[in-house]
Structure formats: structure tokens, C-alpha cells
């Protein structure tokens, strides 16, 4: 019980400190408002709060998303996530336009990504990456390393390779 309490207090402190670190005279540097925690309940319904960037935790009960210019700095959790994230995305399916950091899911698909993808199926466009999965796919505008059963890379050492493929 004591370990769970200490862990909970530590996580809350980290989220609050991340949010506070982004402040400059009570505002995010160069932006409007922000929120340390955001909740997405139903697909298509406005998330609470809906107009601010998230510096901390974005929690999607089923579906987690961001509006066009919103960015999540921190942790994005949900069954299906469609968010622009600088941090960590954990879900069953990750789909996004731009993300940096770690994506961990059954399936990951992203247009612009710098970081590590871990999943059964990983798909990347225009990125610098490291992919670990059963099937990894990257387009010609991407540079990185693939480790998996099937690795597809338009400009890799080979177009298709078992176990390992790369391009730098």
C-alpha cells in the first residue's frame, strides 16, 4: 500500500512539475493556456479541456485525439490514439500526423516521427526512427533501423529483409 501511495504521489508530482517547468510568467512560453491533464471520453465529443496543449497526461477512455494544432507533451493513453505527441503514446492503435518519442501499440502509423516504435505492425513516413515489430514498413523519405520478422524499406539496404534492415 505504501509503495502504491509513493508511486501515485511521484507521478502526480512529475506531471505538475512538467507543467510548471513550461511556464513563463503564468503562461506557456509563446502560447496560450495549457492543462496538465486532459480527458477524452467519447469519439467526436470535445475533450476536457479542449482548447489547450497538454503538458502531462492525455487520457482517452476509448479514443484519444488532438485538434489540428494541439500537441501533447508527456503521456498519451487510450485504446485508439490519434494525437500529435512529444513524449510517450501507449494504446492498442496509434495513428498520427506528427509525433516524437516512443510509440507502443499493437499497430503504429505515423507520417512524421522521430523516435522508437514498438508494435506488431509499424508504419512510418518522413521520419528518423527505430522500429521493433513483426512487420515494419518505412517509406523512401525515412532514415533508420528496423528489427522484426518482415522489414519493408523503400531505400533500405534491401527493399524487403527478414530480421533486420536499415538506411542512414
Protein backbone atom coordinates (compact mmCIF):
# COMPACT_ATOMS: atom_id res chain seq x y z
CA UNK A 1 0.00 0.00 0.00
CA UNK A 2 2.81 2.38 0.90
CA UNK A 3 4.57 1.67 -2.42
CA UNK A 4 1.39 2.48 -4.39
CA UNK A 5 0.90 5.71 -2.45
CA UNK A 6 4.50 6.80 -3.03
CA UNK A 7 4.24 5.91 -6.74
CA UNK A 8 0.98 7.87 -7.10
CA UNK A 9 2.45 10.94 -5.39
CA UNK A 10 5.58 10.69 -7.54
CA UNK A 11 3.59 10.52 -10.81
CA UNK A 12 1.39 13.47 -9.81
CA UNK A 13 4.49 15.47 -8.82
CA UNK A 14 6.19 14.74 -12.12
CA UNK A 15 3.11 15.82 -14.10
CA UNK A 16 2.77 19.03 -12.08
CA UNK A 17 6.49 19.80 -12.36
CA UNK A 18 6.45 19.23 -16.13
CA UNK A 19 3.58 21.68 -16.40
CA UNK A 20 5.20 24.24 -14.11
CA UNK A 21 8.52 24.00 -15.98
CA UNK A 22 6.81 25.15 -19.17
CA UNK A 23 5.53 28.33 -17.56
CA UNK A 24 6.88 31.79 -18.08
CA UNK A 25 5.00 34.41 -16.03
CA UNK A 26 1.97 32.14 -15.71
CA UNK A 27 1.78 31.23 -19.42
CA UNK A 28 3.33 28.62 -21.64
CA UNK A 29 6.31 30.10 -23.47
CA UNK A 30 4.93 31.57 -26.70
CA UNK A 31 1.47 30.00 -26.37
CA UNK A 32 -1.88 30.47 -24.72
CA UNK A 33 -3.17 28.23 -21.97
CA UNK A 34 -2.32 24.67 -21.09
CA UNK A 35 -3.60 21.82 -18.97
CA UNK A 36 -1.66 19.16 -17.04
CA UNK A 37 -4.41 16.52 -17.52
CA UNK A 38 -6.97 16.09 -20.33
CA UNK A 39 -9.76 13.52 -20.59
CA UNK A 40 -11.21 12.23 -23.89
CA UNK A 41 -14.38 10.24 -23.24
CA UNK A 42 -16.35 9.72 -26.47
CA UNK A 43 -15.09 9.87 -30.09
CA UNK A 44 -16.08 13.16 -31.72
CA UNK A 45 -17.08 14.80 -28.44
CA UNK A 46 -14.94 17.69 -27.18
CA UNK A 47 -12.23 16.59 -24.77
CA UNK A 48 -12.00 18.35 -21.45
CA UNK A 49 -10.39 20.91 -21.59
CA UNK A 50 -10.47 21.15 -25.38
CA UNK A 51 -8.54 24.25 -26.45
CA UNK A 52 -5.19 23.86 -24.70
CA UNK A 53 -1.99 21.91 -25.26
CA UNK A 54 -1.44 19.16 -22.73
CA UNK A 55 1.70 19.19 -20.60
CA UNK A 56 1.30 15.97 -18.67
CA UNK A 57 -1.34 13.27 -19.23
CA UNK A 58 -3.88 12.89 -22.06
CA UNK A 59 -6.25 10.06 -21.15
CA UNK A 60 -8.64 8.57 -23.68
CA UNK A 61 -11.17 6.16 -22.21
CA UNK A 62 -11.65 4.68 -25.68
CA UNK A 63 -10.42 7.21 -28.22
CA UNK A 64 -7.78 9.89 -27.64
CA UNK A 65 -7.22 12.70 -30.15
CA UNK A 66 -5.93 16.25 -30.53
CA UNK A 67 -7.31 19.15 -32.53
CA UNK A 68 -5.31 20.44 -35.52
CA UNK A 69 -2.66 22.48 -33.71
CA UNK A 70 -2.79 20.87 -30.27
CA UNK A 71 0.24 18.98 -29.01
CA UNK A 72 0.60 16.63 -26.08
CA UNK A 73 3.86 16.91 -24.17
CA UNK A 74 4.00 13.88 -21.90
CA UNK A 75 1.95 10.69 -21.84
CA UNK A 76 -0.95 9.82 -24.18
CA UNK A 77 -3.03 6.80 -23.09
CA UNK A 78 -6.03 5.31 -24.85
CA UNK A 79 -7.41 2.31 -26.71
CA UNK A 80 -7.10 4.23 -30.01
CA UNK A 81 -4.95 7.38 -30.10
CA UNK A 82 -4.88 9.96 -32.88
CA UNK A 83 -2.73 12.63 -31.25
CA UNK A 84 0.28 14.79 -32.00
CA UNK A 85 2.66 13.83 -29.19
CA UNK A 86 6.09 14.76 -27.94
CA UNK A 87 6.55 12.01 -25.38
CA UNK A 88 5.01 8.57 -24.99
CA UNK A 89 1.95 7.07 -26.71
CA UNK A 90 0.55 3.85 -25.23
CA UNK A 91 -2.50 2.27 -26.82
CA UNK A 92 -3.82 -0.59 -28.95
CA UNK A 93 -3.69 1.54 -32.15
CA UNK A 94 -1.64 4.75 -32.65
CA UNK A 95 -2.38 6.91 -35.71
CA UNK A 96 -0.98 10.42 -36.00
CA UNK A 97 0.48 13.06 -38.30
CA UNK A 98 3.44 14.12 -36.16
CA UNK A 99 4.96 12.53 -33.10
CA UNK A 100 8.31 12.31 -31.33
CA UNK A 101 9.39 9.89 -28.65
CA UNK A 102 8.02 6.39 -28.01
CA UNK A 103 5.02 4.68 -29.56
CA UNK A 104 3.97 1.39 -28.01
CA UNK A 105 0.93 -0.34 -29.54
CA UNK A 106 -0.35 -3.32 -31.49
CA UNK A 107 -0.30 -1.09 -34.61
CA UNK A 108 1.52 2.23 -35.13
CA UNK A 109 1.08 4.51 -38.18
CA UNK A 110 2.58 7.99 -38.35
CA UNK A 111 3.51 10.50 -41.08
CA UNK A 112 6.34 12.37 -39.33
CA UNK A 113 8.11 10.61 -36.47
CA UNK A 114 11.44 10.75 -34.67
CA UNK A 115 11.90 8.02 -32.09
CA UNK A 116 11.15 4.39 -31.26
CA UNK A 117 8.13 2.38 -32.40
CA UNK A 118 7.33 -0.96 -30.77
CA UNK A 119 4.38 -2.95 -32.08
CA UNK A 120 3.20 -5.89 -34.15
CA UNK A 121 2.78 -3.60 -37.21
CA UNK A 122 4.71 -0.32 -37.59
CA UNK A 123 4.34 2.14 -40.50
CA UNK A 124 6.35 5.38 -40.90
CA UNK A 125 6.63 8.16 -43.46
CA UNK A 126 9.17 11.07 -43.44
CA UNK A 127 11.00 10.02 -40.30
CA UNK A 128 14.14 9.17 -38.39
CA UNK A 129 13.29 6.05 -36.46
CA UNK A 130 13.99 2.74 -34.78
CA UNK A 131 11.26 0.11 -35.29
CA UNK A 132 10.77 -3.16 -33.40
CA UNK A 133 7.89 -5.38 -34.52
CA UNK A 134 6.73 -8.34 -36.56
CA UNK A 135 6.10 -6.21 -39.68
CA UNK A 136 7.89 -2.87 -40.09
CA UNK A 137 7.33 -0.50 -43.03
CA UNK A 138 9.03 2.80 -43.86
CA UNK A 139 8.87 4.98 -46.99
CA UNK A 140 11.66 6.41 -49.10
CA UNK A 141 11.92 9.67 -47.12
CA UNK A 142 12.79 7.90 -43.88
CA UNK A 143 16.09 7.01 -42.26
CA UNK A 144 16.51 4.44 -39.56
CA UNK A 145 16.77 0.89 -38.32
CA UNK A 146 14.21 -1.93 -38.43
CA UNK A 147 14.23 -5.08 -36.32
CA UNK A 148 11.46 -7.62 -37.00
CA UNK A 149 10.22 -10.65 -38.88
CA UNK A 150 9.45 -8.66 -42.10
CA UNK A 151 11.07 -5.28 -42.75
CA UNK A 152 9.99 -3.16 -45.72
CA UNK A 153 12.07 -0.09 -46.54
CA UNK A 154 11.90 1.69 -49.91
CA UNK A 155 15.52 2.89 -49.73
CA UNK A 156 16.94 0.39 -47.21
CA UNK A 157 19.87 -1.93 -47.75
CA UNK A 158 17.27 -4.10 -49.49
CA UNK A 159 13.62 -3.35 -50.25
CA UNK A 160 12.48 -6.27 -48.08
CA UNK A 161 14.53 -8.07 -45.45
CA UNK A 162 13.82 -10.58 -42.72
CA UNK A 163 15.00 -9.79 -39.19
CA UNK A 164 16.94 -6.53 -39.87
CA UNK A 165 17.04 -3.62 -42.34
CA UNK A 166 18.43 -0.08 -42.21
CA UNK A 167 19.20 3.12 -44.06
CA UNK A 168 21.13 6.18 -42.86
